[in-house]
Every structure is written in structure tokens, then in C-alpha cells.
Protein backbone atom coordinates (compact mmCIF):
# COMPACT_ATOMS: atom_id res chain seq x y z
CA UNK A 1 -3.34 -49.50 61.11
CA UNK A 2 -2.70 -47.31 58.06
CA UNK A 3 -1.77 -43.69 58.71
CA UNK A 4 -3.95 -42.79 55.72
CA UNK A 5 -7.65 -41.98 56.01
CA UNK A 6 -8.12 -43.58 52.61
CA UNK A 7 -5.90 -45.56 50.23
CA UNK A 8 -6.52 -46.58 46.63
CA UNK A 9 -4.29 -48.59 44.29
CA UNK A 10 -5.19 -49.39 40.69
CA UNK A 11 -3.07 -51.25 38.11
CA UNK A 12 -4.17 -51.38 34.46
CA UNK A 13 -2.93 -53.60 31.64
CA UNK A 14 -3.66 -54.01 27.94
CA UNK A 15 -5.06 -57.48 27.41
CA UNK A 16 -5.44 -58.28 23.70
CA UNK A 17 -6.41 -54.70 22.83
CA UNK A 18 -8.71 -54.13 25.81
CA UNK A 19 -7.62 -52.29 28.94
CA UNK A 20 -8.55 -54.10 32.15
CA UNK A 21 -7.71 -53.83 35.82
CA UNK A 22 -4.88 -56.07 36.94
CA UNK A 23 -5.19 -54.94 40.56
CA UNK A 24 -7.80 -52.93 42.46
CA UNK A 25 -7.27 -52.22 46.15
CA UNK A 26 -8.88 -49.67 48.42
CA UNK A 27 -9.04 -49.15 52.16
CA UNK A 28 -10.73 -46.68 54.49
CA UNK A 29 -12.66 -43.65 53.23
CA UNK A 30 -11.58 -43.97 49.60
CA UNK A 31 -13.31 -46.29 47.17
CA UNK A 32 -13.69 -46.95 43.47
CA UNK A 33 -16.83 -48.11 41.70
CA UNK A 34 -17.06 -50.92 39.16
CA UNK A 35 -15.61 -49.91 35.78
CA UNK A 36 -17.84 -48.57 33.01
CA UNK A 37 -16.97 -49.19 29.36
CA UNK A 38 -18.81 -46.38 27.59
CA UNK A 39 -20.15 -47.21 24.14
CA UNK A 40 -18.52 -50.66 24.39
CA UNK A 41 -15.12 -48.97 24.17
CA UNK A 42 -11.73 -50.60 24.64
CA UNK A 43 -10.89 -48.91 27.94
CA UNK A 44 -12.81 -48.25 31.15
CA UNK A 45 -13.85 -45.31 33.24
CA UNK A 46 -13.51 -45.65 37.01
CA UNK A 47 -15.43 -43.39 39.40
CA UNK A 48 -13.74 -42.42 42.68
CA UNK A 49 -15.87 -41.74 45.72
CA UNK A 50 -15.52 -40.70 49.34
CA UNK A 51 -18.12 -42.54 51.45
CA UNK A 52 -17.83 -39.88 54.17
CA UNK A 53 -19.21 -37.17 51.92
CA UNK A 54 -16.25 -34.83 52.28
CA UNK A 55 -12.73 -34.20 53.61
CA UNK A 56 -12.41 -33.28 57.28
CA UNK A 57 -9.75 -31.94 59.63
CA UNK A 58 -6.49 -33.88 59.28
CA UNK A 59 -7.71 -36.36 56.63
CA UNK A 60 -4.98 -37.91 54.48
CA UNK A 61 -5.49 -39.74 51.19
CA UNK A 62 -3.14 -41.63 48.92
CA UNK A 63 -3.79 -42.94 45.42
CA UNK A 64 -1.43 -44.96 43.22
CA UNK A 65 -2.31 -45.71 39.61
CA UNK A 66 -0.11 -47.76 37.29
CA UNK A 67 -0.74 -48.07 33.55
CA UNK A 68 1.30 -50.73 31.81
CA UNK A 69 2.38 -50.42 28.17
CA UNK A 70 -0.51 -49.33 25.91
CA UNK A 71 -3.05 -49.44 28.76
CA UNK A 72 -5.76 -46.75 28.72
CA UNK A 73 -7.92 -45.33 31.48
CA UNK A 74 -10.42 -42.60 32.31
CA UNK A 75 -10.53 -41.64 35.98
CA UNK A 76 -13.04 -39.23 37.47
CA UNK A 77 -14.99 -38.58 40.67
CA UNK A 78 -18.60 -39.39 41.41
CA UNK A 79 -19.23 -35.81 42.55
CA UNK A 80 -17.44 -32.67 43.69
CA UNK A 81 -14.80 -33.03 46.41
CA UNK A 82 -15.86 -31.02 49.47
CA UNK A 83 -13.28 -29.79 51.97
CA UNK A 84 -14.73 -28.57 55.26
CA UNK A 85 -13.09 -26.49 57.96
CA UNK A 86 -9.75 -27.76 59.25
CA UNK A 87 -9.13 -26.05 62.61
CA UNK A 88 -6.13 -28.20 63.55
CA UNK A 89 -4.52 -29.79 60.50
CA UNK A 90 -4.83 -29.44 56.73
CA UNK A 91 -6.29 -32.12 54.50
CA UNK A 92 -3.59 -33.81 52.43
CA UNK A 93 -4.01 -35.85 49.25
CA UNK A 94 -1.12 -37.52 47.45
CA UNK A 95 -1.44 -39.15 44.03
CA UNK A 96 1.16 -41.12 42.08
CA UNK A 97 0.72 -42.08 38.44
CA UNK A 98 3.08 -44.28 36.47
CA UNK A 99 2.32 -44.32 32.75
CA UNK A 100 4.01 -46.99 30.66
CA UNK A 101 5.01 -46.71 27.01
CA UNK A 102 2.17 -45.52 24.75
CA UNK A 103 -0.35 -45.52 27.63
CA UNK A 104 -3.23 -43.05 27.83
CA UNK A 105 -4.77 -41.43 30.93
CA UNK A 106 -7.67 -39.03 31.36
CA UNK A 107 -7.82 -37.83 34.98
CA UNK A 108 -10.81 -35.49 35.08
CA UNK A 109 -12.16 -35.01 38.63
CA UNK A 110 -15.12 -32.79 39.42
CA UNK A 111 -14.55 -29.49 41.16
CA UNK A 112 -12.92 -29.19 44.56
CA UNK A 113 -15.08 -27.04 46.84
CA UNK A 114 -13.31 -25.41 49.78
CA UNK A 115 -15.59 -24.17 52.54
CA UNK A 116 -14.98 -21.65 55.31
CA UNK A 117 -11.66 -22.13 57.15
CA UNK A 118 -10.64 -25.08 54.94
CA UNK A 119 -6.99 -25.94 54.30
CA UNK A 120 -6.15 -28.40 51.53
CA UNK A 121 -2.80 -29.61 50.16
CA UNK A 122 -2.62 -31.80 47.06
CA UNK A 123 0.45 -33.37 45.48
CA UNK A 124 0.43 -35.16 42.13
CA UNK A 125 3.52 -37.04 40.92
CA UNK A 126 3.30 -38.34 37.35
CA UNK A 127 5.94 -40.52 35.69
CA UNK A 128 5.56 -40.91 31.92
CA UNK A 129 7.38 -43.17 29.51
CA UNK A 130 7.81 -42.64 25.77
CA UNK A 131 4.58 -42.15 23.84
CA UNK A 132 2.36 -41.77 26.92
CA UNK A 133 -0.49 -39.24 26.79
CA UNK A 134 -1.95 -37.39 29.78
CA UNK A 135 -5.09 -35.25 30.05
CA UNK A 136 -5.55 -33.83 33.56
CA UNK A 137 -7.89 -31.17 34.90
CA UNK A 138 -8.79 -29.55 38.19
CA UNK A 139 -11.27 -26.85 39.23
CA UNK A 140 -11.04 -24.86 42.47
CA UNK A 141 -14.33 -23.48 43.78
CA UNK A 142 -15.03 -21.43 46.93
CA UNK A 143 -17.75 -22.95 49.07
CA UNK A 144 -20.74 -21.18 50.57
CA UNK A 145 -19.94 -18.94 53.51
CA UNK A 146 -22.51 -17.77 56.13
CA UNK A 147 -21.28 -14.17 55.91
CA UNK A 148 -21.19 -14.13 52.10
CA UNK A 149 -17.41 -13.87 51.93
CA UNK A 150 -16.07 -14.87 48.48
CA UNK A 151 -12.82 -16.41 49.72
CA UNK A 152 -13.53 -17.85 53.15
CA UNK A 153 -11.17 -20.82 52.94
CA UNK A 154 -7.72 -20.53 54.50
CA UNK A 155 -5.50 -22.23 51.95
CA UNK A 156 -5.54 -24.27 48.74
CA UNK A 157 -2.23 -25.67 47.55
CA UNK A 158 -1.83 -27.90 44.50
CA UNK A 159 1.52 -29.22 43.30
CA UNK A 160 1.98 -31.30 40.16
CA UNK A 161 5.29 -32.86 39.15
CA UNK A 162 5.56 -34.49 35.72
CA UNK A 163 8.56 -36.70 34.97
CA UNK A 164 9.40 -37.83 31.42
CA UNK A 165 11.71 -40.83 31.16
CA UNK A 166 12.76 -40.32 34.79
CA UNK A 167 13.59 -36.59 34.54
CA UNK A 168 11.51 -33.74 35.93
CA UNK A 169 9.95 -32.12 32.85
CA UNK A 170 7.16 -29.91 34.22
CA UNK A 171 6.22 -28.46 37.59
CA UNK A 172 2.98 -26.66 38.39
CA UNK A 173 2.34 -25.04 41.76
CA UNK A 174 -0.83 -23.19 42.74
CA UNK A 175 -1.19 -21.67 46.20
CA UNK A 176 -4.20 -19.58 47.17
CA UNK A 177 -4.11 -18.11 50.67
CA UNK A 178 -6.77 -15.39 50.99
CA UNK A 179 -5.68 -14.19 54.44
CA UNK A 180 -2.23 -13.18 53.12
CA UNK A 181 -2.92 -12.50 49.43
CA UNK A 182 -4.89 -9.74 47.72
CA UNK A 183 -7.14 -12.16 45.87
CA UNK A 184 -8.75 -9.63 43.54
CA UNK A 185 -5.50 -8.03 42.46
CA UNK A 186 -3.51 -8.54 39.25
CA UNK A 187 -1.56 -11.78 39.41
CA UNK A 188 -4.11 -13.48 41.66
CA UNK A 189 -7.82 -14.01 40.90
CA UNK A 190 -8.40 -10.57 39.34
CA UNK A 191 -12.08 -10.21 40.35
CA UNK A 192 -12.87 -13.88 39.57
CA UNK A 193 -13.62 -16.56 42.17
CA UNK A 194 -13.07 -19.92 40.40
CA UNK A 195 -9.86 -21.32 38.93
CA UNK A 196 -9.49 -24.18 36.45
CA UNK A 197 -6.50 -25.94 34.90
CA UNK A 198 -6.26 -28.37 32.00
CA UNK A 199 -2.83 -29.98 31.58
CA UNK A 200 -2.12 -32.02 28.45
CA UNK A 201 1.12 -33.88 27.76
CA UNK A 202 1.46 -35.68 24.44
CA UNK A 203 3.97 -36.03 21.64
CA UNK A 204 1.11 -35.20 19.26
CA UNK A 205 0.97 -31.59 20.49
CA UNK A 206 1.41 -29.03 17.71
CA UNK A 207 1.22 -25.26 17.28
CA UNK A 208 -1.73 -25.77 14.94
CA UNK A 209 -3.68 -27.52 17.71
CA UNK A 210 -2.93 -24.71 20.18
CA UNK A 211 -4.11 -22.12 17.64
CA UNK A 212 -7.32 -24.09 17.13
CA UNK A 213 -7.91 -24.38 20.87
CA UNK A 214 -7.37 -20.65 21.35
CA UNK A 215 -9.86 -19.76 18.64
CA UNK A 216 -12.40 -22.29 19.94
CA UNK A 217 -12.19 -21.15 23.57
CA UNK A 218 -12.40 -17.49 22.55
CA UNK A 219 -15.74 -18.25 20.92
CA UNK A 220 -17.28 -19.84 24.04
CA UNK A 221 -19.91 -17.57 25.64
CA UNK A 222 -19.50 -16.45 29.25
CA UNK A 223 -17.49 -14.19 31.50
CA UNK A 224 -14.02 -15.69 31.90
CA UNK A 225 -10.33 -15.13 31.32
CA UNK A 226 -7.94 -17.79 30.04
CA UNK A 227 -4.45 -18.43 28.75
CA UNK A 228 -2.64 -21.28 26.99
CA UNK A 229 1.01 -22.01 27.79
CA UNK A 230 3.33 -24.48 26.10
CA UNK A 231 5.34 -26.80 28.34
CA UNK A 232 9.05 -27.55 28.01
CA UNK A 233 8.02 -31.02 26.84
CA UNK A 234 5.41 -31.66 24.14
CA UNK A 235 2.28 -30.44 25.89
CA UNK A 236 0.47 -27.39 27.21
CA UNK A 237 -1.61 -25.94 30.03
CA UNK A 238 -4.92 -24.09 29.75
CA UNK A 239 -5.63 -21.88 32.77
CA UNK A 240 -9.13 -20.46 33.25
CA UNK A 241 -10.60 -17.95 35.70
CA UNK A 242 -14.36 -17.49 35.97
CA UNK A 243 -17.17 -16.98 38.48
CA UNK A 244 -18.99 -20.25 37.86
CA UNK A 245 -17.87 -23.87 37.86
CA UNK A 246 -20.05 -24.60 34.83
CA UNK A 247 -18.17 -22.08 32.68
CA UNK A 248 -14.82 -23.72 33.45
CA UNK A 249 -16.30 -27.19 32.90
CA UNK A 250 -17.59 -26.08 29.50
CA UNK A 251 -14.16 -24.83 28.45
CA UNK A 252 -12.36 -27.99 29.59
CA UNK A 253 -14.98 -30.23 27.95
CA UNK A 254 -14.78 -28.29 24.69
CA UNK A 255 -10.98 -28.52 24.71
CA UNK A 256 -11.22 -32.25 25.37
CA UNK A 257 -13.54 -32.64 22.36
CA UNK A 258 -11.14 -30.74 20.09
CA UNK A 259 -8.20 -32.91 21.17
CA UNK A 260 -10.11 -36.18 20.79
CA UNK A 261 -11.32 -35.25 17.32
CA UNK A 262 -7.93 -34.04 16.06
CA UNK A 263 -5.84 -36.88 17.50
CA UNK A 264 -8.16 -39.86 17.42
CA UNK A 265 -11.18 -38.93 15.30
CA UNK A 266 -13.50 -39.68 18.25
CA UNK A 267 -15.69 -37.93 20.80
CA UNK A 268 -14.93 -38.33 24.52
CA UNK A 269 -17.52 -40.13 26.61
CA UNK A 270 -20.08 -38.15 28.57
CA UNK A 271 -19.17 -38.75 32.21
CA UNK A 272 -22.70 -38.66 33.56
CA UNK A 273 -22.88 -38.03 37.31
CA UNK A 274 -26.62 -38.34 37.86
């Protein structure tokens, strides 16, 4: 019997200009829905779902996604990922992506909601070959607490390793531990409650694009704080702090639209969840 609560493996290939699944395998409490080709596009969107409705004490999940040369894929979740209390052992999720030459991946999950006494550890390992393009986002949201506490979860830890041509090129590590950190102080959440990240790696990245993104995000209404950082490889990270998930979603969606228009002259598909 697998040591994993849920396992998912997905292999994509480019077949005469259309990206299709070469292999789809899932087991346990981790599933994927049938692909959707929005607007009769050339590549699919797959929706991930957890039949159990949330992550529980000691759950472990593993996902492996392989994109062959010039394959394209959008991957998202059917709804927010809910992490409930973990009195004995943290929830662990491990994801491996291999992106072949000139492949394209949008990995845009809904928010992760951590409830009272939740502990969650996520590790993403991404291997990219020449010409591959990655758009990845995550949103961390505190769940409802019976005593009204803003940060009632115990720990959220997200690690992302990005390898380019076999060499470690970028490393992102977020660790929020309210019981040992002054969450409202400078350098932590600074009076905000929600944290979002948008990581983009592409050889098409330019200073002009970053300037355009900065100006566009600055003009978005709402109470939030953000920053844009260039990576050591062609790419960048947008980090956002706010008090509402919807504000962060709006910023990530707007950034996605800017990138799609500038690089491909298109609009990204609306990932309807209802």
C-alpha cells in the first residue's frame, strides 16, 4: 500500500500542435478531472481535486507532472485547499515538475486556507529545459477561528526549488509560524493577514515588462502591499500582502493578463470554479 494519502502523475506531449495527456494516473485522495480546452485552444486545463474535502492530520500528497518538448498545460484546483488541525503530524505535499524544451506551464491553484492548529509543509521541485516558461502562484489565507484570532494556524512552510538545465537557479522559502514570530511586525505580515506569490520564469522577461507590471499593479484599487523582484535567471517574483484573498487574486490575474498580452497577444482563459 502506498505511503501517500494521494498520488497524481500526469505526462503531457505535443501531438501535431495540440497538447494532450500521454499518461494520467491518480490514486487515493487525489484526483484530476477530465481536461477542458477553453475556447477550442491548443492546450488543456486540468482541475485537481481532493475528494475528502480537505487535508487532515498526517496526510501526505505527491504530484509528478512531465511536459515533453513544446507541450503546454494549465493546472489549477477545483476550489481552495483547506488544511484542518494537525495535532500529531503536519500535512505534507510534494510536487515535481519536469518541463521540456520550449514547454509552457501555468500552475495556478486557488488559495490555501489554514485553520486553527494547522501545520502544512509544501515542497515544489521544478526542472526546466531551454525555452521553457513557468507561471506559478500561491495564496496563503488564515482560516476562521472560534476565538477570532487572526493567525490561529501553527505553521505554513512552502519551499520552491527551480532548476535550469540541471542547476539550481532559484530558491524560494516561506515559513510562517505565528507562535514564534511577531506576525504584525516589519519583515513578517506587517498588519496584513494574507500572502500571495506569483513566480514567472521565462527567457522573454524584460525590464520593460517589469516596469509595466509595477505601474499596472500600483493602479489596482484596494489595501495591499507588494514588491517585484528579479530572479538570477530570466524571471521575477511578485509578492503581495493583503487582508482579502480576492485582492491578491485580482493582482495575480491582472499580472497574468499583462504577460499573456505582451508575450503572446492573447488573453488567459477564465478558470471558472462554479
